[in-house]
């Protein structure tokens, strides 16, 4: 139990930004709130806000934690590390001063796009563990005109040096005279997996960007910009990782 002790449920909902206390009471009375898998309709229930699994209309409400969860649009040329003994650009230049954060997974230096940063070690470990299979969406600009036959081959799965790989989804976005844009969704966190997939198909990647991790999307975030995970995004990721 948290040091502060149990707190009235409607106060927890209000503190999480779900609704005012009065509106939270109405949600409870309407049977729209669950605590630890049980629908709650009585007013005044006290819960531990740090450990209770609370849902409103089925959506997870993240517990109140002194934790930071950031989305970064990692620029191309930046290492997925907080420091580098060769003086190359690192993530340290894009996080709040004095914060020691873990990067959730990694992107190679030449890949840009969505990277999660946090000081919650359990969350970082779960997010990168293969058993939880959090999907990742990439947009690859590749050399050459990718044929329908090649797309079909990719969707069916291909064999790489370290074993087979089969994307969850593949979509041709655009064909040009000497290049193609392909959107790929996959769960694998294997090293440089998207680049190696297209190398094996004879279409080397020119430019690669990660657009999403699970329900978290890059959206309009510009390279080098950060934002905090929304309540809805964090709640969904906690569910995906069993926290």
Protein backbone atom coordinates (compact mmCIF):
# COMPACT_ATOMS: atom_id res chain seq x y z
CA UNK A 1 0.00 0.00 0.00
CA UNK A 2 1.21 3.55 -0.69
CA UNK A 3 2.53 5.69 2.14
CA UNK A 4 -0.43 8.07 1.83
CA UNK A 5 -2.89 5.24 2.53
CA UNK A 6 -6.32 4.63 1.00
CA UNK A 7 -8.04 7.47 -0.84
CA UNK A 8 -11.69 7.88 -1.83
CA UNK A 9 -12.24 6.54 -5.35
CA UNK A 10 -13.89 9.70 -6.65
CA UNK A 11 -10.87 11.72 -5.48
CA UNK A 12 -8.52 9.34 -7.31
CA UNK A 13 -10.54 9.73 -10.51
CA UNK A 14 -10.55 13.50 -10.18
CA UNK A 15 -6.79 13.60 -9.55
CA UNK A 16 -6.26 11.48 -12.69
CA UNK A 17 -8.17 14.05 -14.75
CA UNK A 18 -11.04 11.69 -15.58
CA UNK A 19 -13.76 13.95 -14.24
CA UNK A 20 -14.63 16.31 -11.42
CA UNK A 21 -15.42 14.64 -8.09
CA UNK A 22 -19.15 15.21 -8.64
CA UNK A 23 -18.99 13.75 -12.16
CA UNK A 24 -16.85 10.86 -10.84
CA UNK A 25 -19.60 10.07 -8.32
CA UNK A 26 -22.07 9.91 -11.21
CA UNK A 27 -19.80 7.53 -13.12
CA UNK A 28 -19.58 5.28 -10.07
CA UNK A 29 -23.34 5.34 -9.52
CA UNK A 30 -23.88 4.41 -13.17
CA UNK A 31 -21.69 1.31 -12.81
CA UNK A 32 -19.04 2.62 -15.20
CA UNK A 33 -16.10 2.18 -12.82
CA UNK A 34 -14.22 -1.03 -11.99
CA UNK A 35 -11.65 -1.56 -9.27
CA UNK A 36 -9.50 -4.69 -9.44
CA UNK A 37 -11.97 -6.36 -11.79
CA UNK A 38 -15.10 -5.55 -9.77
CA UNK A 39 -17.76 -3.01 -10.76
CA UNK A 40 -18.13 -0.45 -7.99
CA UNK A 41 -21.42 1.38 -7.45
CA UNK A 42 -21.15 2.43 -3.81
CA UNK A 43 -19.82 5.87 -3.01
CA UNK A 44 -16.90 6.47 -0.67
CA UNK A 45 -14.89 3.33 -1.44
CA UNK A 46 -11.27 3.89 -0.48
CA UNK A 47 -8.50 2.50 -2.68
CA UNK A 48 -4.72 2.58 -2.80
CA UNK A 49 -4.07 4.84 -5.82
CA UNK A 50 -0.60 3.37 -6.35
CA UNK A 51 -1.70 -0.26 -6.73
CA UNK A 52 -5.43 -0.42 -7.54
CA UNK A 53 -6.31 -1.38 -11.14
CA UNK A 54 -9.03 1.14 -11.98
CA UNK A 55 -11.02 1.27 -15.22
CA UNK A 56 -13.66 3.68 -16.48
CA UNK A 57 -15.83 2.26 -19.27
CA UNK A 58 -13.17 -0.43 -19.68
CA UNK A 59 -10.26 2.00 -20.17
CA UNK A 60 -7.37 1.61 -17.73
CA UNK A 61 -6.63 4.62 -15.51
CA UNK A 62 -2.89 4.60 -14.73
CA UNK A 63 -1.90 4.60 -11.05
CA UNK A 64 -0.51 7.74 -9.54
CA UNK A 65 3.26 7.38 -9.67
CA UNK A 66 6.24 9.68 -9.34
CA UNK A 67 7.37 8.50 -12.77
CA UNK A 68 8.11 10.12 -16.10
CA UNK A 69 6.99 8.62 -19.43
CA UNK A 70 8.10 10.54 -22.51
CA UNK A 71 7.66 10.18 -26.25
CA UNK A 72 10.64 11.43 -28.27
CA UNK A 73 10.89 11.87 -32.01
CA UNK A 74 14.53 10.79 -32.23
CA UNK A 75 16.35 12.65 -34.99
CA UNK A 76 18.46 10.80 -37.50
CA UNK A 77 22.12 10.64 -36.45
CA UNK A 78 21.40 10.44 -32.71
CA UNK A 79 22.49 7.34 -30.76
CA UNK A 80 19.97 5.47 -28.60
CA UNK A 81 22.14 6.02 -25.53
CA UNK A 82 22.52 8.62 -22.80
CA UNK A 83 26.27 9.05 -23.29
CA UNK A 84 28.97 8.19 -25.81
CA UNK A 85 32.72 8.15 -25.25
CA UNK A 86 33.32 9.22 -28.86
CA UNK A 87 31.32 12.42 -28.46
CA UNK A 88 28.52 11.52 -30.85
CA UNK A 89 25.01 13.01 -30.33
CA UNK A 90 22.96 11.07 -27.75
CA UNK A 91 19.51 11.10 -26.17
CA UNK A 92 20.84 13.19 -23.27
CA UNK A 93 20.39 16.29 -25.39
CA UNK A 94 16.63 15.72 -25.60
CA UNK A 95 15.60 14.88 -22.02
CA UNK A 96 14.90 17.14 -19.03
CA UNK A 97 18.08 18.28 -17.29
CA UNK A 98 19.14 16.06 -14.43
CA UNK A 99 16.76 13.22 -15.36
CA UNK A 100 18.19 9.71 -15.64
CA UNK A 101 15.93 7.90 -18.06
CA UNK A 102 15.83 4.48 -19.70
CA UNK A 103 15.13 4.27 -23.43
CA UNK A 104 12.53 1.62 -24.19
CA UNK A 105 14.12 -0.46 -26.90
CA UNK A 106 16.37 1.34 -29.34
CA UNK A 107 16.64 2.77 -32.82
CA UNK A 108 19.91 2.64 -34.73
CA UNK A 109 21.59 6.00 -35.33
CA UNK A 110 20.38 6.24 -38.93
CA UNK A 111 16.73 5.58 -37.98
CA UNK A 112 14.49 8.38 -36.79
CA UNK A 113 11.13 8.38 -35.09
CA UNK A 114 9.29 7.30 -31.99
CA UNK A 115 11.26 6.30 -28.92
CA UNK A 116 9.89 5.98 -25.38
CA UNK A 117 11.89 7.25 -22.41
CA UNK A 118 11.11 6.60 -18.76
CA UNK A 119 12.53 6.38 -15.24
CA UNK A 120 10.27 3.38 -14.54
CA UNK A 121 12.62 0.40 -14.84
CA UNK A 122 9.88 -2.25 -14.55
CA UNK A 123 7.92 -0.60 -17.35
CA UNK A 124 10.99 -0.36 -19.59
CA UNK A 125 11.83 -4.03 -19.02
CA UNK A 126 8.30 -5.23 -19.73
CA UNK A 127 7.99 -3.11 -22.87
CA UNK A 128 11.09 -4.72 -24.38
CA UNK A 129 10.38 -8.30 -23.30
CA UNK A 130 9.46 -10.56 -26.27
CA UNK A 131 6.61 -12.25 -24.38
CA UNK A 132 4.51 -9.07 -24.37
CA UNK A 133 4.78 -8.54 -28.14
CA UNK A 134 4.14 -4.81 -28.35
CA UNK A 135 3.75 -3.96 -32.03
CA UNK A 136 5.87 -1.34 -33.79
CA UNK A 137 5.02 0.51 -37.01
CA UNK A 138 7.69 1.71 -39.44
CA UNK A 139 7.74 3.68 -42.67
CA UNK A 140 10.60 2.60 -44.93
CA UNK A 141 11.79 4.41 -48.04
CA UNK A 142 13.60 1.74 -50.04
CA UNK A 143 15.56 1.67 -53.29
CA UNK A 144 13.82 0.38 -56.40
CA UNK A 145 10.22 -0.29 -57.32
CA UNK A 146 8.75 -2.89 -54.94
CA UNK A 147 6.56 -5.22 -56.95
CA UNK A 148 3.30 -6.82 -55.82
CA UNK A 149 5.07 -10.18 -55.88
CA UNK A 150 7.73 -8.86 -53.48
CA UNK A 151 5.05 -7.49 -51.15
CA UNK A 152 3.33 -10.87 -51.17
CA UNK A 153 6.63 -12.59 -50.37
CA UNK A 154 7.23 -10.19 -47.49
CA UNK A 155 3.74 -10.73 -46.08
CA UNK A 156 4.30 -14.48 -46.17
CA UNK A 157 7.53 -14.24 -44.19
CA UNK A 158 11.18 -14.46 -45.19
CA UNK A 159 14.22 -16.26 -43.84
CA UNK A 160 17.09 -14.24 -42.35
CA UNK A 161 20.44 -15.37 -40.94
CA UNK A 162 19.03 -15.38 -37.39
CA UNK A 163 15.73 -17.04 -38.26
CA UNK A 164 12.44 -16.35 -40.05
CA UNK A 165 10.54 -13.08 -39.78
CA UNK A 166 6.94 -12.41 -40.76
CA UNK A 167 5.48 -8.90 -40.39
CA UNK A 168 2.00 -8.42 -38.94
CA UNK A 169 1.07 -6.05 -41.77
CA UNK A 170 2.65 -4.65 -44.91
CA UNK A 171 1.23 -1.76 -46.95
CA UNK A 172 2.63 -0.12 -50.06
CA UNK A 173 2.29 3.64 -49.54
CA UNK A 174 3.90 4.93 -52.73
CA UNK A 175 5.92 3.84 -55.76
CA UNK A 176 8.30 6.21 -57.53
CA UNK A 177 10.69 5.94 -60.46
CA UNK A 178 13.49 4.49 -58.34
CA UNK A 179 12.09 4.19 -54.83
CA UNK A 180 9.13 2.88 -52.86
CA UNK A 181 7.52 3.76 -49.52
CA UNK A 182 6.35 0.77 -47.48
CA UNK A 183 4.62 0.72 -44.10
CA UNK A 184 5.50 -2.31 -41.96
CA UNK A 185 4.04 -3.45 -38.63
CA UNK A 186 5.85 -6.12 -36.63
CA UNK A 187 6.47 -7.26 -33.05
CA UNK A 188 10.10 -8.28 -33.36
CA UNK A 189 12.77 -6.26 -31.55
CA UNK A 190 15.66 -7.94 -33.33
CA UNK A 191 18.59 -5.72 -34.27
CA UNK A 192 18.07 -3.69 -37.48
CA UNK A 193 15.26 -6.06 -38.41
CA UNK A 194 13.48 -3.79 -40.92
CA UNK A 195 16.69 -2.92 -42.74
CA UNK A 196 17.72 -6.59 -42.92
CA UNK A 197 14.28 -7.61 -44.23
CA UNK A 198 14.48 -5.22 -47.16
CA UNK A 199 18.15 -6.04 -47.81
CA UNK A 200 17.10 -9.67 -48.18
CA UNK A 201 14.47 -8.61 -50.74
CA UNK A 202 16.98 -6.60 -52.78
CA UNK A 203 15.54 -3.22 -51.79
CA UNK A 204 17.98 -1.51 -49.38
CA UNK A 205 16.47 1.04 -47.00
CA UNK A 206 17.27 4.66 -47.82
CA UNK A 207 15.36 6.19 -44.93
CA UNK A 208 13.55 4.62 -41.97
CA UNK A 209 11.20 6.09 -39.40
CA UNK A 210 9.26 4.47 -36.55
CA UNK A 211 5.73 5.86 -36.49
CA UNK A 212 4.17 4.00 -33.56
CA UNK A 213 4.71 1.66 -30.63
CA UNK A 214 1.46 -0.12 -29.77
CA UNK A 215 -1.22 2.57 -29.33
CA UNK A 216 1.34 5.39 -29.09
CA UNK A 217 1.69 7.33 -32.34
CA UNK A 218 4.30 9.87 -33.39
CA UNK A 219 1.67 12.19 -34.83
CA UNK A 220 2.84 15.76 -35.44
CA UNK A 221 5.82 15.57 -33.07
CA UNK A 222 8.84 17.09 -34.83
CA UNK A 223 12.36 15.62 -34.75
CA UNK A 224 13.93 16.40 -31.38
CA UNK A 225 10.61 17.21 -29.69
CA UNK A 226 9.22 15.32 -26.69
CA UNK A 227 5.85 15.01 -25.01
CA UNK A 228 4.48 13.04 -22.09
CA UNK A 229 2.43 9.93 -22.68
CA UNK A 230 -1.27 10.66 -22.38
CA UNK A 231 -3.30 8.97 -19.66
CA UNK A 232 -4.99 6.81 -22.30
CA UNK A 233 -1.69 5.77 -23.90
CA UNK A 234 -0.05 4.88 -20.59
CA UNK A 235 -3.11 2.96 -19.43
CA UNK A 236 -3.14 0.92 -22.64
CA UNK A 237 0.59 0.14 -22.39
CA UNK A 238 0.24 -0.94 -18.74
CA UNK A 239 -2.45 -3.36 -19.86
CA UNK A 240 -0.33 -4.66 -22.75
CA UNK A 241 2.61 -5.33 -20.43
CA UNK A 242 0.59 -6.76 -17.53
CA UNK A 243 1.55 -4.05 -15.03
